Amino acid sequence: MKPNRFIFFILGLFIATSCTHNPLNVNVDEVAIDLKFVNLDSIFVHSETDKLAADILKSGILKNEILSYELGQCLGVGPLSDSGTVDRIKLFVNDPFVKRVENRIAEKFSDHSKRKEIITSGFKHLKYHFPEGNFPKNVVFLNSHFASNVFCTEQEIGVSLERYLGAETDVIKELPDPIFQWIKDKMDAKYLERDVLTAWIMTHFIPETKGNTAEQIIYWGKIIYLTEAAFPEMDKNMLMRYSVEDLEWANKNEYSFWQYLVKEKMLFSENEREQMNFLSDAPFTAGLPEKGPDRLGQFIGWKMVQSFMKANPKMSLADMIQVPYNQILQEYEIK
């Protein structure tokens, strides 16, 4: 009897599919998360002066830390309880340059529906792995006057829309130093959802460390791996905030960078300057070819955690984030 080639084909397809299955691509249909989105920036711009405080009250964030952050650290206008604060808010939004920024925000972010859907999905994926984890109640869109991309409190996330207008936008081009061109180049809306989840993970899921370079690298590796878990279908370069070309360069030079760290005995160094060179935003990674991307320390930490999880497929993410850095370091293999 002749073998059934169709059956063999299906079996081969099943095996191939199984080998390429992404264990992070889980079903979150049954995961519930209560997440509210508030456009504080729109309230500031469009509310009448005598109704501004009442409109903020209606938004549900009147007593929340994110409002204090926006009014105090970003705009420097004082607490809402101060009788002059509302007038100072209106002075801010009526500044000629700020008005132009607000016009660009309105043009760029006229519809948040898809963005809300993606962010909500990201948190659902995270909650799948951490059902008892701490999750935000509010995502607040604001204009931080270029203070930060994303700011997290205990229950909220503030997202600075002006930081995602794009390097080619006129008001971004006009920003003076120290907002250098490489910083402007990173002000891309395609990273917004990724930044929201990464900031929350960094603030609420991975304990901060002050150890040696290897420990810092793997700390960041865990953050990016959890971001990958939140967005399992996101392009890998997006998870790193890299271009496709930058990720290709990083992958191609992973072994060379690893050898550099070993040869220069940097893994167990506690030199904070060296650590910043490998981990911080910059035009490139200091000490390495300028054609390569920045934050190669974060990249190789992510690769280490990926390697560890591949070797330990039954380990949960909750258990992984508790694994000491040296154990992950010991099991690192460059494929």
C-alpha atoms as a PDB file:
ATOM      1  CA  MET A   1       0.000   0.000   0.000  1.00  0.00           C
ATOM      2  CA  LYS A   2       1.366   3.431  -0.944  1.00  0.00           C
ATOM      3  CA  PRO A   3       1.962   5.868   1.883  1.00  0.00           C
ATOM      4  CA  ASN A   4      -0.519   8.687   2.177  1.00  0.00           C
ATOM      5  CA  ARG A   5       1.548  11.719   1.214  1.00  0.00           C
ATOM      6  CA  PHE A   6      -1.190  14.096   2.265  1.00  0.00           C
ATOM      7  CA  ILE A   7      -1.049  12.744   5.831  1.00  0.00           C
ATOM      8  CA  PHE A   8       2.738  13.111   5.815  1.00  0.00           C
ATOM      9  CA  PHE A   9       2.384  16.679   4.572  1.00  0.00           C
ATOM     10  CA  ILE A  10      -0.069  17.566   7.344  1.00  0.00           C
ATOM     11  CA  LEU A  11       2.172  15.896   9.948  1.00  0.00           C
ATOM     12  CA  GLY A  12       5.186  17.822   8.676  1.00  0.00           C
ATOM     13  CA  LEU A  13       3.227  21.069   8.731  1.00  0.00           C
ATOM     14  CA  PHE A  14       2.125  20.370  12.308  1.00  0.00           C
ATOM     15  CA  ILE A  15       5.699  19.698  13.401  1.00  0.00           C
ATOM     16  CA  ALA A  16       6.967  22.851  11.677  1.00  0.00           C
ATOM     17  CA  THR A  17       4.211  24.929  13.248  1.00  0.00           C
ATOM     18  CA  SER A  18       4.935  23.453  16.678  1.00  0.00           C
ATOM     19  CA  CYS A  19       8.612  24.299  16.351  1.00  0.00           C
ATOM     20  CA  THR A  20       7.857  27.936  15.552  1.00  0.00           C
ATOM     21  CA  HIS A  21       5.075  28.384  18.102  1.00  0.00           C
ATOM     22  CA  ASN A  22       5.522  31.455  20.253  1.00  0.00           C
ATOM     23  CA  PRO A  23       4.849  30.468  23.899  1.00  0.00           C
ATOM     24  CA  LEU A  24       4.065  34.108  24.701  1.00  0.00           C
ATOM     25  CA  ASN A  25       1.228  34.230  22.185  1.00  0.00           C
ATOM     26  CA  VAL A  26      -1.533  33.312  24.634  1.00  0.00           C
ATOM     27  CA  ASN A  27      -5.326  33.633  24.466  1.00  0.00           C
ATOM     28  CA  VAL A  28      -6.504  36.597  26.542  1.00  0.00           C
ATOM     29  CA  ASP A  29     -10.177  36.513  25.580  1.00  0.00           C
ATOM     30  CA  GLU A  30     -11.162  35.611  29.134  1.00  0.00           C
ATOM     31  CA  VAL A  31      -8.837  38.122  30.803  1.00  0.00           C
ATOM     32  CA  ALA A  32     -10.654  41.155  32.183  1.00  0.00           C
ATOM     33  CA  ILE A  33      -9.010  44.462  32.984  1.00  0.00           C
ATOM     34  CA  ASP A  34     -10.661  47.712  34.058  1.00  0.00           C
ATOM     35  CA  LEU A  35      -8.718  50.461  32.317  1.00  0.00           C
ATOM     36  CA  LYS A  36      -9.979  54.002  31.847  1.00  0.00           C
ATOM     37  CA  PHE A  37      -8.536  56.494  29.357  1.00  0.00           C
ATOM     38  CA  VAL A  38      -8.622  60.217  30.133  1.00  0.00           C
ATOM     39  CA  ASN A  39      -7.513  62.994  27.787  1.00  0.00           C
ATOM     40  CA  LEU A  40      -6.372  65.607  30.308  1.00  0.00           C
ATOM     41  CA  ASP A  41      -4.678  67.605  27.575  1.00  0.00           C
ATOM     42  CA  SER A  42      -7.984  68.021  25.761  1.00  0.00           C
ATOM     43  CA  ILE A  43      -9.666  69.118  29.004  1.00  0.00           C
ATOM     44  CA  PHE A  44      -7.006  71.782  29.554  1.00  0.00           C
ATOM     45  CA  VAL A  45      -7.343  73.083  26.003  1.00  0.00           C
ATOM     46  CA  HIS A  46     -11.109  72.989  25.496  1.00  0.00           C
ATOM     47  CA  SER A  47     -12.669  73.610  28.921  1.00  0.00           C
ATOM     48  CA  GLU A  48     -13.866  77.085  29.741  1.00  0.00           C
ATOM     49  CA  THR A  49     -11.808  78.721  32.480  1.00  0.00           C
ATOM     50  CA  ASP A  50     -14.649  78.707  34.988  1.00  0.00           C
ATOM     51  CA  LYS A  51     -15.449  75.049  34.217  1.00  0.00           C
ATOM     52  CA  LEU A  52     -11.943  73.604  34.096  1.00  0.00           C
ATOM     53  CA  ALA A  53     -11.808  72.365  37.704  1.00  0.00           C
ATOM     54  CA  ALA A  54     -15.278  70.803  37.377  1.00  0.00           C
ATOM     55  CA  ASP A  55     -14.293  69.055  34.127  1.00  0.00           C
ATOM     56  CA  ILE A  56     -11.186  67.621  35.775  1.00  0.00           C
ATOM     57  CA  LEU A  57     -13.381  66.419  38.619  1.00  0.00           C
ATOM     58  CA  LYS A  58     -15.650  64.649  36.116  1.00  0.00           C
ATOM     59  CA  SER A  59     -12.620  62.898  34.598  1.00  0.00           C
ATOM     60  CA  GLY A  60     -12.031  61.039  37.863  1.00  0.00           C
ATOM     61  CA  ILE A  61      -8.380  62.045  38.325  1.00  0.00           C
ATOM     62  CA  LEU A  62      -8.813  65.145  40.489  1.00  0.00           C
ATOM     63  CA  LYS A  63      -7.184  63.573  43.564  1.00  0.00           C
ATOM     64  CA  ASN A  64      -4.716  61.401  41.708  1.00  0.00           C
ATOM     65  CA  GLU A  65      -0.941  61.714  41.636  1.00  0.00           C
ATOM     66  CA  ILE A  66      -0.823  62.088  37.874  1.00  0.00           C
ATOM     67  CA  LEU A  67      -2.588  65.454  38.124  1.00  0.00           C
ATOM     68  CA  SER A  68      -0.075  66.625  40.727  1.00  0.00           C
ATOM     69  CA  TYR A  69       2.745  65.496  38.445  1.00  0.00           C
ATOM     70  CA  GLU A  70       1.309  67.380  35.475  1.00  0.00           C
ATOM     71  CA  LEU A  71       0.570  70.591  37.379  1.00  0.00           C
ATOM     72  CA  GLY A  72       3.660  70.599  39.562  1.00  0.00           C
ATOM     73  CA  GLN A  73       6.593  68.942  37.797  1.00  0.00           C
ATOM     74  CA  CYS A  74       5.592  69.490  34.166  1.00  0.00           C
ATOM     75  CA  LEU A  75       3.809  72.833  34.011  1.00  0.00           C
ATOM     76  CA  GLY A  76       4.873  74.351  37.340  1.00  0.00           C
ATOM     77  CA  VAL A  77       1.508  76.033  37.849  1.00  0.00           C
ATOM     78  CA  GLY A  78       0.751  74.852  41.377  1.00  0.00           C
ATOM     79  CA  PRO A  79      -2.045  72.683  42.831  1.00  0.00           C
ATOM     80  CA  LEU A  80      -5.602  72.992  41.587  1.00  0.00           C
ATOM     81  CA  SER A  81      -6.638  74.102  45.081  1.00  0.00           C
ATOM     82  CA  ASP A  82      -4.710  77.329  44.461  1.00  0.00           C
ATOM     83  CA  SER A  83      -7.132  79.952  43.118  1.00  0.00           C
ATOM     84  CA  GLY A  84      -4.600  81.136  40.527  1.00  0.00           C
ATOM     85  CA  THR A  85      -3.769  77.724  39.063  1.00  0.00           C
ATOM     86  CA  VAL A  86      -6.584  77.631  36.516  1.00  0.00           C
ATOM     87  CA  ASP A  87      -5.514  81.002  35.151  1.00  0.00           C
ATOM     88  CA  ARG A  88      -1.915  79.775  34.899  1.00  0.00           C
ATOM     89  CA  ILE A  89      -3.057  76.648  33.027  1.00  0.00           C
ATOM     90  CA  LYS A  90      -4.884  78.836  30.539  1.00  0.00           C
ATOM     91  CA  LEU A  91      -1.816  81.053  30.160  1.00  0.00           C
ATOM     92  CA  PHE A  92       0.186  77.938  29.338  1.00  0.00           C
ATOM     93  CA  VAL A  93      -2.188  76.551  26.704  1.00  0.00           C
ATOM     94  CA  ASN A  94      -2.582  79.997  25.123  1.00  0.00           C
ATOM     95  CA  ASP A  95       1.160  80.495  24.711  1.00  0.00           C
ATOM     96  CA  PRO A  96       1.749  80.860  20.928  1.00  0.00           C
ATOM     97  CA  PHE A  97       4.205  77.966  20.697  1.00  0.00           C
ATOM     98  CA  VAL A  98       2.128  75.719  22.965  1.00  0.00           C
ATOM     99  CA  LYS A  99      -0.965  76.479  20.871  1.00  0.00           C
ATOM    100  CA  ARG A 100       0.911  75.292  17.799  1.00  0.00           C
ATOM    101  CA  VAL A 101       1.994  72.141  19.658  1.00  0.00           C
ATOM    102  CA  GLU A 102      -1.626  71.551  20.675  1.00  0.00           C
ATOM    103  CA  ASN A 103      -2.746  71.965  17.072  1.00  0.00           C
ATOM    104  CA  ARG A 104      -0.253  69.306  15.983  1.00  0.00           C
ATOM    105  CA  ILE A 105      -1.409  67.005  18.806  1.00  0.00           C
ATOM    106  CA  ALA A 106      -5.016  67.444  17.676  1.00  0.00           C
ATOM    107  CA  GLU A 107      -4.041  66.621  14.094  1.00  0.00           C
ATOM    108  CA  LYS A 108      -1.865  63.635  14.975  1.00  0.00           C
ATOM    109  CA  PHE A 109      -4.020  62.121  17.709  1.00  0.00           C
ATOM    110  CA  SER A 110      -7.553  62.876  16.640  1.00  0.00           C
ATOM    111  CA  ASP A 111      -8.655  59.290  17.292  1.00  0.00           C
ATOM    112  CA  HIS A 112      -7.314  57.190  20.170  1.00  0.00           C
ATOM    113  CA  SER A 113      -9.586  54.175  19.596  1.00  0.00           C
ATOM    114  CA  LYS A 114      -6.961  51.880  18.034  1.00  0.00           C
ATOM    115  CA  ARG A 115      -4.330  53.018  20.496  1.00  0.00           C
ATOM    116  CA  LYS A 116      -6.611  52.249  23.429  1.00  0.00           C
ATOM    117  CA  GLU A 117      -7.317  48.816  21.999  1.00  0.00           C
ATOM    118  CA  ILE A 118      -3.607  47.997  21.655  1.00  0.00           C
ATOM    119  CA  ILE A 119      -2.723  49.247  25.149  1.00  0.00           C
ATOM    120  CA  THR A 120      -5.622  47.334  26.697  1.00  0.00           C
ATOM    121  CA  SER A 121      -4.553  44.171  24.891  1.00  0.00           C
ATOM    122  CA  GLY A 122      -1.004  44.641  26.160  1.00  0.00           C
ATOM    123  CA  PHE A 123      -2.183  44.824  29.749  1.00  0.00           C
ATOM    124  CA  LYS A 124      -4.450  41.812  29.259  1.00  0.00           C
ATOM    125  CA  HIS A 125      -1.474  39.784  28.079  1.00  0.00           C
ATOM    126  CA  LEU A 126       0.524  40.950  31.071  1.00  0.00           C
ATOM    127  CA  LYS A 127      -2.331  40.088  33.431  1.00  0.00           C
ATOM    128  CA  TYR A 128      -2.556  36.602  31.914  1.00  0.00           C
ATOM    129  CA  HIS A 129       0.939  35.957  33.277  1.00  0.00           C
ATOM    130  CA  PHE A 130       0.494  38.003  36.466  1.00  0.00           C
ATOM    131  CA  PRO A 131      -3.166  37.628  37.527  1.00  0.00           C
ATOM    132  CA  GLU A 132      -2.423  39.176  40.931  1.00  0.00           C
ATOM    133  CA  GLY A 133      -0.165  41.910  39.610  1.00  0.00           C
ATOM    134  CA  ASN A 134      -0.598  45.643  40.036  1.00  0.00           C
ATOM    135  CA  PHE A 135      -2.300  47.222  37.022  1.00  0.00           C
ATOM    136  CA  PRO A 136      -3.192  50.835  36.244  1.00  0.00           C
ATOM    137  CA  LYS A 137      -6.676  52.251  36.605  1.00  0.00           C
ATOM    138  CA  ASN A 138      -6.139  55.233  34.320  1.00  0.00           C
ATOM    139  CA  VAL A 139      -4.117  56.033  31.227  1.00  0.00           C
ATOM    140  CA  VAL A 140      -3.967  59.816  31.039  1.00  0.00           C
ATOM    141  CA  PHE A 141      -3.025  61.592  27.810  1.00  0.00           C
ATOM    142  CA  LEU A 142      -1.375  64.929  28.522  1.00  0.00           C
ATOM    143  CA  ASN A 143       1.083  67.555  27.367  1.00  0.00           C
ATOM    144  CA  SER A 144       4.032  67.437  29.755  1.00  0.00           C
ATOM    145  CA  HIS A 145       5.812  70.291  27.972  1.00  0.00           C
ATOM    146  CA  PHE A 146       8.457  67.745  26.885  1.00  0.00           C
ATOM    147  CA  ALA A 147       9.209  66.619  30.453  1.00  0.00           C
ATOM    148  CA  SER A 148       8.999  62.868  29.753  1.00  0.00           C
ATOM    149  CA  ASN A 149       7.513  60.277  27.426  1.00  0.00           C
ATOM    150  CA  VAL A 150       5.620  58.229  30.007  1.00  0.00           C
ATOM    151  CA  PHE A 151       5.270  58.736  33.755  1.00  0.00           C
ATOM    152  CA  CYS A 152       3.842  56.127  36.136  1.00  0.00           C
ATOM    153  CA  THR A 153       2.298  56.538  39.561  1.00  0.00           C
ATOM    154  CA  GLU A 154       0.852  53.785  41.725  1.00  0.00           C
ATOM    155  CA  GLN A 155      -2.385  53.614  39.734  1.00  0.00           C
ATOM    156  CA  GLU A 156      -1.941  55.745  36.610  1.00  0.00           C
ATOM    157  CA  ILE A 157       0.137  56.265  33.523  1.00  0.00           C
ATOM    158  CA  GLY A 158       0.671  59.714  32.060  1.00  0.00           C
ATOM    159  CA  VAL A 159       1.440  59.715  28.332  1.00  0.00           C
ATOM    160  CA  SER A 160       2.988  62.891  26.910  1.00  0.00           C
ATOM    161  CA  LEU A 161       1.492  63.202  23.438  1.00  0.00           C
ATOM    162  CA  GLU A 162       3.825  66.000  22.356  1.00  0.00           C
ATOM    163  CA  ARG A 163       6.745  63.550  22.681  1.00  0.00           C
ATOM    164  CA  TYR A 164       5.273  61.427  19.888  1.00  0.00           C
ATOM    165  CA  LEU A 165       4.637  64.040  17.202  1.00  0.00           C
ATOM    166  CA  GLY A 166       7.511  62.898  14.989  1.00  0.00           C
ATOM    167  CA  ALA A 167      10.888  64.391  14.108  1.00  0.00           C
ATOM    168  CA  GLU A 168       9.588  65.971  10.893  1.00  0.00           C
ATOM    169  CA  THR A 169       6.834  67.943  12.634  1.00  0.00           C
ATOM    170  CA  ASP A 170       7.559  71.687  12.517  1.00  0.00           C
ATOM    171  CA  VAL A 171       7.255  72.289  16.272  1.00  0.00           C
ATOM    172  CA  ILE A 172       9.625  69.392  16.984  1.00  0.00           C
ATOM    173  CA  LYS A 173      12.171  70.683  14.475  1.00  0.00           C
ATOM    174  CA  GLU A 174      12.117  74.019  16.302  1.00  0.00           C
ATOM    175  CA  LEU A 175      12.973  72.579  19.723  1.00  0.00           C
ATOM    176  CA  PRO A 176      16.344  73.903  20.902  1.00  0.00           C
ATOM    177  CA  ASP A 177      19.186  71.996  22.525  1.00  0.00           C
ATOM    178  CA  PRO A 178      19.491  70.023  24.759  1.00  0.00           C
ATOM    179  CA  ILE A 179      16.729  68.256  22.825  1.00  0.00           C
ATOM    180  CA  PHE A 180      19.211  67.050  20.225  1.00  0.00           C
ATOM    181  CA  GLN A 181      18.348  65.624  16.821  1.00  0.00           C
ATOM    182  CA  TRP A 182      18.816  62.009  17.946  1.00  0.00           C
ATOM    183  CA  ILE A 183      16.223  62.635  20.685  1.00  0.00           C
ATOM    184  CA  LYS A 184      13.806  64.160  18.158  1.00  0.00           C
ATOM    185  CA  ASP A 185      14.313  61.139  15.920  1.00  0.00           C
ATOM    186  CA  LYS A 186      12.944  58.935  18.690  1.00  0.00           C
ATOM    187  CA  MET A 187       9.725  60.971  19.070  1.00  0.00           C
ATOM    188  CA  ASP A 188       7.770  58.524  16.938  1.00  0.00           C
ATOM    189  CA  ALA A 189       4.122  57.645  17.617  1.00  0.00           C
ATOM    190  CA  LYS A 190       4.702  54.025  16.591  1.00  0.00           C
ATOM    191  CA  TYR A 191       6.496  53.477  19.906  1.00  0.00           C
ATOM    192  CA  LEU A 192       3.775  54.958  22.120  1.00  0.00           C
ATOM    193  CA  GLU A 193       1.963  51.744  23.084  1.00  0.00           C
ATOM    194  CA  ARG A 194       5.261  49.943  23.634  1.00  0.00           C
ATOM    195  CA  ASP A 195       6.488  52.747  25.890  1.00  0.00           C
ATOM    196  CA  VAL A 196       3.331  52.627  28.015  1.00  0.00           C
ATOM    197  CA  LEU A 197       3.760  48.935  28.817  1.00  0.00           C
ATOM    198  CA  THR A 198       7.532  49.127  29.223  1.00  0.00           C
ATOM    199  CA  ALA A 199       7.247  52.021  31.686  1.00  0.00           C
ATOM    200  CA  TRP A 200       4.620  50.215  33.755  1.00  0.00           C
ATOM    201  CA  ILE A 201       6.654  46.987  33.800  1.00  0.00           C
ATOM    202  CA  MET A 202       9.794  48.847  34.834  1.00  0.00           C
ATOM    203  CA  THR A 203       7.946  50.682  37.606  1.00  0.00           C
ATOM    204  CA  HIS A 204       5.743  47.908  38.982  1.00  0.00           C
ATOM    205  CA  PHE A 205       7.052  44.478  37.991  1.00  0.00           C
ATOM    206  CA  ILE A 206      10.848  44.349  37.954  1.00  0.00           C
ATOM    207  CA  PRO A 207      12.587  45.441  41.178  1.00  0.00           C
ATOM    208  CA  GLU A 208      15.207  48.091  40.521  1.00  0.00           C
ATOM    209  CA  THR A 209      18.801  47.029  41.035  1.00  0.00           C
ATOM    210  CA  LYS A 210      22.020  48.952  41.706  1.00  0.00           C
ATOM    211  CA  GLY A 211      24.421  46.051  41.137  1.00  0.00           C
ATOM    212  CA  ASN A 212      27.141  45.280  38.621  1.00  0.00           C
ATOM    213  CA  THR A 213      26.883  45.598  34.852  1.00  0.00           C
ATOM    214  CA  ALA A 214      25.669  42.017  34.317  1.00  0.00           C
ATOM    215  CA  GLU A 215      22.928  42.544  36.880  1.00  0.00           C
ATOM    216  CA  GLN A 216      21.872  45.806  35.242  1.00  0.00           C
ATOM    217  CA  ILE A 217      21.896  44.214  31.795  1.00  0.00           C
ATOM    218  CA  ILE A 218      19.674  41.334  32.895  1.00  0.00           C
ATOM    219  CA  TYR A 219      17.385  43.710  34.800  1.00  0.00           C
ATOM    220  CA  TRP A 220      16.686  45.407  31.472  1.00  0.00           C
ATOM    221  CA  GLY A 221      16.473  42.058  29.721  1.00  0.00           C
ATOM    222  CA  LYS A 222      13.614  41.073  32.020  1.00  0.00           C
ATOM    223  CA  ILE A 223      11.809  44.364  31.341  1.00  0.00           C
ATOM    224  CA  ILE A 224      11.988  43.919  27.582  1.00  0.00           C
ATOM    225  CA  TYR A 225      11.049  40.248  27.781  1.00  0.00           C
ATOM    226  CA  LEU A 226       7.904  41.185  29.712  1.00  0.00           C
ATOM    227  CA  THR A 227       7.201  43.851  27.086  1.00  0.00           C
ATOM    228  CA  GLU A 228       7.506  41.092  24.504  1.00  0.00           C
ATOM    229  CA  ALA A 229       5.022  39.044  26.551  1.00  0.00           C
ATOM    230  CA  ALA A 230       2.624  42.000  26.513  1.00  0.00           C
ATOM    231  CA  PHE A 231       2.988  42.350  22.725  1.00  0.00           C
ATOM    232  CA  PRO A 232       3.882  38.860  21.453  1.00  0.00           C
ATOM    233  CA  GLU A 233       3.100  39.741  17.833  1.00  0.00           C
ATOM    234  CA  MET A 234       4.912  43.078  17.793  1.00  0.00           C
ATOM    235  CA  ASP A 235       7.905  43.349  15.470  1.00  0.00           C
ATOM    236  CA  LYS A 236      11.057  42.595  17.457  1.00  0.00           C
ATOM    237  CA  ASN A 237      12.748  45.836  16.486  1.00  0.00           C
ATOM    238  CA  MET A 238       9.802  47.763  17.929  1.00  0.00           C
ATOM    239  CA  LEU A 239      10.255  46.084  21.310  1.00  0.00           C
ATOM    240  CA  MET A 240      13.787  47.510  21.432  1.00  0.00           C
ATOM    241  CA  ARG A 241      12.785  50.865  19.917  1.00  0.00           C
ATOM    242  CA  TYR A 242      15.148  50.055  17.060  1.00  0.00           C
ATOM    243  CA  SER A 243      14.846  50.372  13.327  1.00  0.00           C
ATOM    244  CA  VAL A 244      14.847  47.092  11.394  1.00  0.00           C
ATOM    245  CA  GLU A 245      18.431  47.834  10.344  1.00  0.00           C
ATOM    246  CA  ASP A 246      19.536  48.518  13.925  1.00  0.00           C
ATOM    247  CA  LEU A 247      18.105  45.210  15.130  1.00  0.00           C
ATOM    248  CA  GLU A 248      19.815  43.375  12.284  1.00  0.00           C
ATOM    249  CA  TRP A 249      23.116  45.029  13.259  1.00  0.00           C
ATOM    250  CA  ALA A 250      22.612  44.104  16.927  1.00  0.00           C
ATOM    251  CA  ASN A 251      21.788  40.480  16.089  1.00  0.00           C
ATOM    252  CA  LYS A 252      24.778  40.198  13.761  1.00  0.00           C
ATOM    253  CA  ASN A 253      27.146  41.639  16.366  1.00  0.00           C
ATOM    254  CA  GLU A 254      25.724  39.971  19.491  1.00  0.00           C
ATOM    255  CA  TYR A 255      28.720  37.662  19.881  1.00  0.00           C
ATOM    256  CA  SER A 256      31.241  40.455  19.270  1.00  0.00           C
ATOM    257  CA  PHE A 257      29.579  42.641  21.918  1.00  0.00           C
ATOM    258  CA  TRP A 258      29.545  39.739  24.365  1.00  0.00           C
ATOM    259  CA  GLN A 259      33.244  39.095  23.727  1.00  0.00           C
ATOM    260  CA  TYR A 260      33.936  42.789  24.269  1.00  0.00           C
ATOM    261  CA  LEU A 261      32.221  42.735  27.664  1.00  0.00           C
ATOM    262  CA  VAL A 262      34.149  39.617  28.694  1.00  0.00           C
ATOM    263  CA  LYS A 263      37.517  40.734  27.356  1.00  0.00           C
ATOM    264  CA  GLU A 264      37.296  44.155  28.982  1.00  0.00           C
ATOM    265  CA  LYS A 265      36.093  42.579  32.250  1.00  0.00           C
ATOM    266  CA  MET A 266      33.021  44.786  32.317  1.00  0.00           C
ATOM    267  CA  LEU A 267      30.391  42.256  33.345  1.00  0.00           C
ATOM    268  CA  PHE A 268      31.110  42.544  37.044  1.00  0.00           C
ATOM    269  CA  SER A 269      32.127  46.180  37.042  1.00  0.00           C
ATOM    270  CA  GLU A 270      30.077  48.554  39.175  1.00  0.00           C
ATOM    271  CA  ASN A 271      31.226  51.616  37.256  1.00  0.00           C
ATOM    272  CA  GLU A 272      27.995  53.574  36.753  1.00  0.00           C
ATOM    273  CA  ARG A 273      29.401  55.558  33.836  1.00  0.00           C
ATOM    274  CA  GLU A 274      30.166  52.355  31.932  1.00  0.00           C
ATOM    275  CA  GLN A 275      26.715  51.007  32.701  1.00  0.00           C
ATOM    276  CA  MET A 276      25.055  54.168  31.419  1.00  0.00           C
ATOM    277  CA  ASN A 277      27.060  53.873  28.200  1.00  0.00           C
ATOM    278  CA  PHE A 278      25.530  50.444  27.553  1.00  0.00           C
ATOM    279  CA  LEU A 279      22.023  51.038  28.842  1.00  0.00           C
ATOM    280  CA  SER A 280      20.976  54.655  28.312  1.00  0.00           C
ATOM    281  CA  ASP A 281      19.352  56.364  25.340  1.00  0.00           C
ATOM    282  CA  ALA A 282      21.982  57.887  23.081  1.00  0.00           C
ATOM    283  CA  PRO A 283      22.783  58.282  19.391  1.00  0.00           C
ATOM    284  CA  PHE A 284      24.819  55.020  19.648  1.00  0.00           C
ATOM    285  CA  THR A 285      26.396  52.779  22.292  1.00  0.00           C
ATOM    286  CA  ALA A 286      29.478  54.576  23.618  1.00  0.00           C
ATOM    287  CA  GLY A 287      32.744  52.706  23.048  1.00  0.00           C
ATOM    288  CA  LEU A 288      31.342  50.759  20.081  1.00  0.00           C
ATOM    289  CA  PRO A 289      31.038  51.559  16.340  1.00  0.00           C
ATOM    290  CA  GLU A 290      28.827  54.571  15.770  1.00  0.00           C
ATOM    291  CA  LYS A 291      26.923  52.762  13.014  1.00  0.00           C
ATOM    292  CA  GLY A 292      25.445  50.482  15.679  1.00  0.00           C
ATOM    293  CA  PRO A 293      22.396  51.323  17.831  1.00  0.00           C
ATOM    294  CA  ASP A 294      22.296  52.598  21.390  1.00  0.00           C
ATOM    295  CA  ARG A 295      21.394  50.504  24.471  1.00  0.00           C
ATOM    296  CA  LEU A 296      23.182  47.351  23.343  1.00  0.00           C
ATOM    297  CA  GLY A 297      23.316  46.375  27.020  1.00  0.00           C
ATOM    298  CA  GLN A 298      19.512  46.245  27.070  1.00  0.00           C
ATOM    299  CA  PHE A 299      19.537  44.239  23.848  1.00  0.00           C
ATOM    300  CA  ILE A 300      21.960  41.595  25.068  1.00  0.00           C
ATOM    301  CA  GLY A 301      20.099  41.363  28.386  1.00  0.00           C
ATOM    302  CA  TRP A 302      16.923  40.607  26.439  1.00  0.00           C
ATOM    303  CA  LYS A 303      18.768  37.943  24.454  1.00  0.00           C
ATOM    304  CA  MET A 304      20.010  36.416  27.701  1.00  0.00           C
ATOM    305  CA  VAL A 305      16.507  36.197  29.131  1.00  0.00           C
ATOM    306  CA  GLN A 306      15.180  34.777  25.859  1.00  0.00           C
ATOM    307  CA  SER A 307      17.908  32.119  25.953  1.00  0.00           C
ATOM    308  CA  PHE A 308      17.108  31.300  29.586  1.00  0.00           C
ATOM    309  CA  MET A 309      13.381  30.959  28.939  1.00  0.00           C
ATOM    310  CA  LYS A 310      13.993  28.773  25.904  1.00  0.00           C
ATOM    311  CA  ALA A 311      16.052  26.460  28.111  1.00  0.00           C
ATOM    312  CA  ASN A 312      13.342  26.533  30.792  1.00  0.00           C
ATOM    313  CA  PRO A 313      10.071  26.384  28.810  1.00  0.00           C
ATOM    314  CA  LYS A 314       7.917  25.403  31.785  1.00  0.00           C
ATOM    315  CA  MET A 315       8.987  28.373  33.912  1.00  0.00           C
ATOM    316  CA  SER A 316       6.364  31.071  34.441  1.00  0.00           C
ATOM    317  CA  LEU A 317       7.177  34.733  33.947  1.00  0.00           C
ATOM    318  CA  ALA A 318       6.399  35.329  37.619  1.00  0.00           C
ATOM    319  CA  ASP A 319       9.116  32.833  38.545  1.00  0.00           C
ATOM    320  CA  MET A 320      11.525  34.128  35.915  1.00  0.00           C
ATOM    321  CA  ILE A 321      11.611  37.666  37.244  1.00  0.00           C
ATOM    322  CA  GLN A 322      12.754  36.249  40.609  1.00  0.00           C
ATOM    323  CA  VAL A 323      15.654  34.286  39.128  1.00  0.00           C
ATOM    324  CA  PRO A 324      19.031  35.750  40.201  1.00  0.00           C
ATOM    325  CA  TYR A 325      20.951  37.439  37.430  1.00  0.00           C
ATOM    326  CA  ASN A 326      23.954  35.102  37.766  1.00  0.00           C
ATOM    327  CA  GLN A 327      21.801  32.053  37.013  1.00  0.00           C
ATOM    328  CA  ILE A 328      20.533  33.650  33.802  1.00  0.00           C
ATOM    329  CA  LEU A 329      24.069  34.729  32.977  1.00  0.00           C
ATOM    330  CA  GLN A 330      25.412  31.175  33.395  1.00  0.00           C
ATOM    331  CA  GLU A 331      22.809  29.698  31.044  1.00  0.00           C
ATOM    332  CA  TYR A 332      23.316  32.268  28.304  1.00  0.00           C
ATOM    333  CA  GLU A 333      24.137  30.733  24.926  1.00  0.00           C
ATOM    334  CA  ILE A 334      24.619  32.651  21.717  1.00  0.00           C
ATOM    335  CA  LYS A 335      23.015  30.779  18.838  1.00  0.00           C
END
